[in-house]
Amino acid sequence: MGTARLLASAISGGFKMMAKAYMAIRRGKGQVKDGAKTFYEKLQEQGIPQDVAKEITSMYTESGMEFLSIRKMMQLASQFND
């Protein structure tokens, strides 16, 4: 009886951890988008041309989104496993 309870607790804890990790990633992506918008606005205030500011901002956003990619995290985790 104790083994079944332990197993159920481990499974439910795993689901909770996955849900919290997913929500943290979602929040992080939202923060990257908000930061990119602010960054773009600040570049515009400094007189950077619009097309250059968009390019710089897209590089900033791309690197942040790549860091928060679940696929990228899985690739990193598999590298640690090897």
N, C-alpha and C. Protein backbone atom coordinates (compact mmCIF):
# COMPACT_ATOMS: atom_id res chain seq x y z
N MET A 1 0.82 -1.19 0.00
CA MET A 1 0.00 0.00 0.00
C MET A 1 0.87 1.26 0.00
N GLY A 2 1.98 1.22 0.75
CA GLY A 2 2.86 2.38 0.82
C GLY A 2 3.53 2.67 -0.51
N THR A 3 3.86 1.63 -1.27
CA THR A 3 4.52 1.80 -2.56
C THR A 3 3.59 2.50 -3.54
N ALA A 4 2.33 2.13 -3.56
CA ALA A 4 1.37 2.76 -4.47
C ALA A 4 1.19 4.23 -4.13
N ARG A 5 1.15 4.54 -2.86
CA ARG A 5 1.00 5.94 -2.43
C ARG A 5 2.23 6.76 -2.83
N LEU A 6 3.40 6.16 -2.64
CA LEU A 6 4.65 6.83 -3.02
C LEU A 6 4.70 7.07 -4.53
N LEU A 7 4.30 6.08 -5.30
CA LEU A 7 4.29 6.20 -6.76
C LEU A 7 3.30 7.28 -7.20
N ALA A 8 2.12 7.29 -6.62
CA ALA A 8 1.12 8.31 -6.97
C ALA A 8 1.62 9.70 -6.61
N SER A 9 2.29 9.82 -5.49
CA SER A 9 2.83 11.11 -5.07
C SER A 9 3.92 11.58 -6.04
N ALA A 10 4.76 10.66 -6.46
CA ALA A 10 5.83 11.01 -7.39
C ALA A 10 5.27 11.44 -8.74
N ILE A 11 4.26 10.74 -9.22
CA ILE A 11 3.65 11.09 -10.51
C ILE A 11 2.97 12.45 -10.43
N SER A 12 2.20 12.68 -9.38
CA SER A 12 1.51 13.97 -9.27
C SER A 12 2.52 15.10 -9.08
N GLY A 13 3.60 14.84 -8.34
CA GLY A 13 4.64 15.86 -8.18
C GLY A 13 5.33 16.17 -9.49
N GLY A 14 5.51 15.14 -10.33
CA GLY A 14 6.12 15.35 -11.64
C GLY A 14 5.25 16.22 -12.53
N PHE A 15 3.94 15.96 -12.50
CA PHE A 15 3.02 16.78 -13.29
C PHE A 15 3.01 18.22 -12.80
N LYS A 16 3.03 18.41 -11.49
CA LYS A 16 3.06 19.77 -10.95
C LYS A 16 4.32 20.49 -11.38
N MET A 17 5.45 19.79 -11.32
CA MET A 17 6.71 20.40 -11.70
C MET A 17 6.72 20.77 -13.19
N MET A 18 6.18 19.89 -14.04
CA MET A 18 6.11 20.18 -15.47
C MET A 18 5.22 21.39 -15.74
N ALA A 19 4.10 21.46 -15.04
CA ALA A 19 3.18 22.59 -15.23
C ALA A 19 3.84 23.90 -14.80
N LYS A 20 4.52 23.87 -13.69
CA LYS A 20 5.20 25.09 -13.21
C LYS A 20 6.33 25.50 -14.16
N ALA A 21 7.07 24.53 -14.68
CA ALA A 21 8.13 24.84 -15.63
C ALA A 21 7.55 25.44 -16.91
N TYR A 22 6.45 24.87 -17.38
CA TYR A 22 5.79 25.39 -18.58
C TYR A 22 5.34 26.83 -18.36
N MET A 23 4.73 27.10 -17.22
CA MET A 23 4.26 28.46 -16.94
C MET A 23 5.43 29.43 -16.80
N ALA A 24 6.54 28.98 -16.23
CA ALA A 24 7.71 29.84 -16.11
C ALA A 24 8.27 30.19 -17.48
N ILE A 25 8.27 29.22 -18.38
CA ILE A 25 8.74 29.47 -19.74
C ILE A 25 7.82 30.46 -20.44
N ARG A 26 6.50 30.28 -20.28
CA ARG A 26 5.54 31.20 -20.88
C ARG A 26 5.74 32.63 -20.36
N ARG A 27 5.93 32.76 -19.05
CA ARG A 27 6.17 34.09 -18.47
C ARG A 27 7.47 34.68 -19.01
N GLY A 28 8.48 33.85 -19.11
CA GLY A 28 9.77 34.32 -19.63
C GLY A 28 9.66 34.81 -21.05
N LYS A 29 8.91 34.11 -21.89
CA LYS A 29 8.73 34.54 -23.27
C LYS A 29 7.97 35.87 -23.33
N GLY A 30 6.99 36.03 -22.46
CA GLY A 30 6.26 37.30 -22.40
C GLY A 30 7.18 38.44 -21.98
N GLN A 31 8.06 38.17 -21.04
CA GLN A 31 9.00 39.19 -20.59
C GLN A 31 10.00 39.55 -21.68
N VAL A 32 10.41 38.57 -22.47
CA VAL A 32 11.32 38.85 -23.59
C VAL A 32 10.61 39.75 -24.60
N LYS A 33 9.35 39.46 -24.90
CA LYS A 33 8.59 40.28 -25.85
C LYS A 33 8.41 41.71 -25.32
N ASP A 34 8.09 41.83 -24.04
CA ASP A 34 7.94 43.16 -23.44
C ASP A 34 9.26 43.92 -23.46
N GLY A 35 10.34 43.20 -23.15
CA GLY A 35 11.67 43.81 -23.16
C GLY A 35 12.07 44.25 -24.56
N ALA A 36 11.70 43.46 -25.56
CA ALA A 36 12.03 43.81 -26.95
C ALA A 36 11.29 45.08 -27.36
N LYS A 37 10.04 45.19 -26.94
CA LYS A 37 9.26 46.38 -27.28
C LYS A 37 9.88 47.63 -26.65
N THR A 38 10.25 47.52 -25.38
CA THR A 38 10.88 48.64 -24.69
C THR A 38 12.23 48.97 -25.32
N PHE A 39 13.00 47.93 -25.66
CA PHE A 39 14.30 48.12 -26.29
C PHE A 39 14.15 48.85 -27.62
N TYR A 40 13.17 48.43 -28.42
CA TYR A 40 12.92 49.08 -29.71
C TYR A 40 12.56 50.55 -29.51
N GLU A 41 11.70 50.83 -28.55
CA GLU A 41 11.30 52.21 -28.28
C GLU A 41 12.48 53.06 -27.86
N LYS A 42 13.36 52.50 -27.03
CA LYS A 42 14.55 53.25 -26.59
C LYS A 42 15.50 53.50 -27.75
N LEU A 43 15.65 52.51 -28.63
CA LEU A 43 16.49 52.73 -29.81
C LEU A 43 15.92 53.84 -30.67
N GLN A 44 14.61 53.88 -30.82
CA GLN A 44 13.95 54.93 -31.60
C GLN A 44 14.18 56.29 -30.95
N GLU A 45 14.11 56.34 -29.62
CA GLU A 45 14.33 57.61 -28.91
C GLU A 45 15.75 58.12 -29.12
N GLN A 46 16.70 57.21 -29.30
CA GLN A 46 18.09 57.59 -29.48
C GLN A 46 18.41 57.97 -30.93
N GLY A 47 17.41 57.87 -31.80
CA GLY A 47 17.59 58.30 -33.18
C GLY A 47 18.08 57.21 -34.12
N ILE A 48 18.01 55.97 -33.71
CA ILE A 48 18.39 54.86 -34.59
C ILE A 48 17.32 54.72 -35.67
N PRO A 49 17.72 54.56 -36.93
CA PRO A 49 16.72 54.38 -38.00
C PRO A 49 15.82 53.17 -37.72
N GLN A 50 14.59 53.26 -38.18
CA GLN A 50 13.58 52.25 -37.87
C GLN A 50 13.99 50.85 -38.33
N ASP A 51 14.52 50.73 -39.54
CA ASP A 51 14.89 49.40 -40.04
C ASP A 51 16.06 48.80 -39.25
N VAL A 52 17.01 49.63 -38.85
CA VAL A 52 18.14 49.15 -38.06
C VAL A 52 17.65 48.76 -36.66
N ALA A 53 16.78 49.57 -36.09
CA ALA A 53 16.24 49.28 -34.76
C ALA A 53 15.46 47.96 -34.77
N LYS A 54 14.69 47.71 -35.82
CA LYS A 54 13.95 46.44 -35.93
C LYS A 54 14.90 45.26 -36.01
N GLU A 55 15.98 45.41 -36.79
CA GLU A 55 16.95 44.33 -36.94
C GLU A 55 17.65 44.02 -35.61
N ILE A 56 18.06 45.05 -34.92
CA ILE A 56 18.72 44.86 -33.62
C ILE A 56 17.76 44.21 -32.63
N THR A 57 16.53 44.70 -32.61
CA THR A 57 15.52 44.16 -31.70
C THR A 57 15.20 42.71 -32.02
N SER A 58 15.14 42.38 -33.30
CA SER A 58 14.84 40.98 -33.67
C SER A 58 15.97 40.05 -33.24
N MET A 59 17.22 40.50 -33.32
CA MET A 59 18.34 39.68 -32.85
C MET A 59 18.24 39.47 -31.34
N TYR A 60 17.88 40.53 -30.63
CA TYR A 60 17.71 40.45 -29.18
C TYR A 60 16.60 39.46 -28.83
N THR A 61 15.48 39.57 -29.51
CA THR A 61 14.33 38.71 -29.23
C THR A 61 14.62 37.27 -29.60
N GLU A 62 15.27 37.07 -30.74
CA GLU A 62 15.57 35.71 -31.21
C GLU A 62 16.45 34.96 -30.22
N SER A 63 17.46 35.63 -29.69
CA SER A 63 18.34 34.94 -28.74
C SER A 63 17.61 34.61 -27.44
N GLY A 64 16.75 35.50 -26.99
CA GLY A 64 15.97 35.23 -25.78
C GLY A 64 14.98 34.10 -25.97
N MET A 65 14.31 34.08 -27.10
CA MET A 65 13.34 33.02 -27.38
C MET A 65 14.02 31.67 -27.57
N GLU A 66 15.21 31.69 -28.19
CA GLU A 66 15.95 30.44 -28.36
C GLU A 66 16.35 29.86 -27.01
N PHE A 67 16.74 30.73 -26.10
CA PHE A 67 17.13 30.29 -24.77
C PHE A 67 15.95 29.64 -24.04
N LEU A 68 14.74 30.14 -24.28
CA LEU A 68 13.54 29.64 -23.62
C LEU A 68 12.83 28.53 -24.41
N SER A 69 13.43 28.07 -25.48
CA SER A 69 12.83 27.02 -26.29
C SER A 69 12.91 25.67 -25.58
N ILE A 70 11.79 24.97 -25.54
CA ILE A 70 11.76 23.65 -24.90
C ILE A 70 12.67 22.69 -25.65
N ARG A 71 12.67 22.76 -26.97
CA ARG A 71 13.57 21.89 -27.75
C ARG A 71 15.02 22.12 -27.39
N LYS A 72 15.39 23.39 -27.26
CA LYS A 72 16.77 23.73 -26.91
C LYS A 72 17.12 23.19 -25.52
N MET A 73 16.18 23.29 -24.60
CA MET A 73 16.41 22.76 -23.26
C MET A 73 16.59 21.25 -23.29
N MET A 74 15.79 20.57 -24.11
CA MET A 74 15.92 19.12 -24.23
C MET A 74 17.25 18.73 -24.86
N GLN A 75 17.71 19.51 -25.84
CA GLN A 75 19.01 19.24 -26.44
C GLN A 75 20.12 19.40 -25.42
N LEU A 76 20.05 20.45 -24.63
CA LEU A 76 21.06 20.66 -23.59
C LEU A 76 21.04 19.55 -22.55
N ALA A 77 19.84 19.12 -22.18
CA ALA A 77 19.72 18.05 -21.20
C ALA A 77 20.29 16.74 -21.75
N SER A 78 20.07 16.46 -23.02
CA SER A 78 20.62 15.23 -23.60
C SER A 78 22.13 15.29 -23.72
N GLN A 79 22.69 16.48 -23.89
CA GLN A 79 24.15 16.61 -23.92
C GLN A 79 24.75 16.28 -22.56
N PHE A 80 24.07 16.67 -21.48
CA PHE A 80 24.56 16.36 -20.14
C PHE A 80 24.48 14.87 -19.86
N ASN A 81 23.53 14.20 -20.51
CA ASN A 81 23.34 12.78 -20.30
C ASN A 81 24.45 11.96 -20.94
N ASP A 82 25.03 12.47 -22.02
CA ASP A 82 26.08 11.72 -22.75
C ASP A 82 27.39 11.71 -22.05
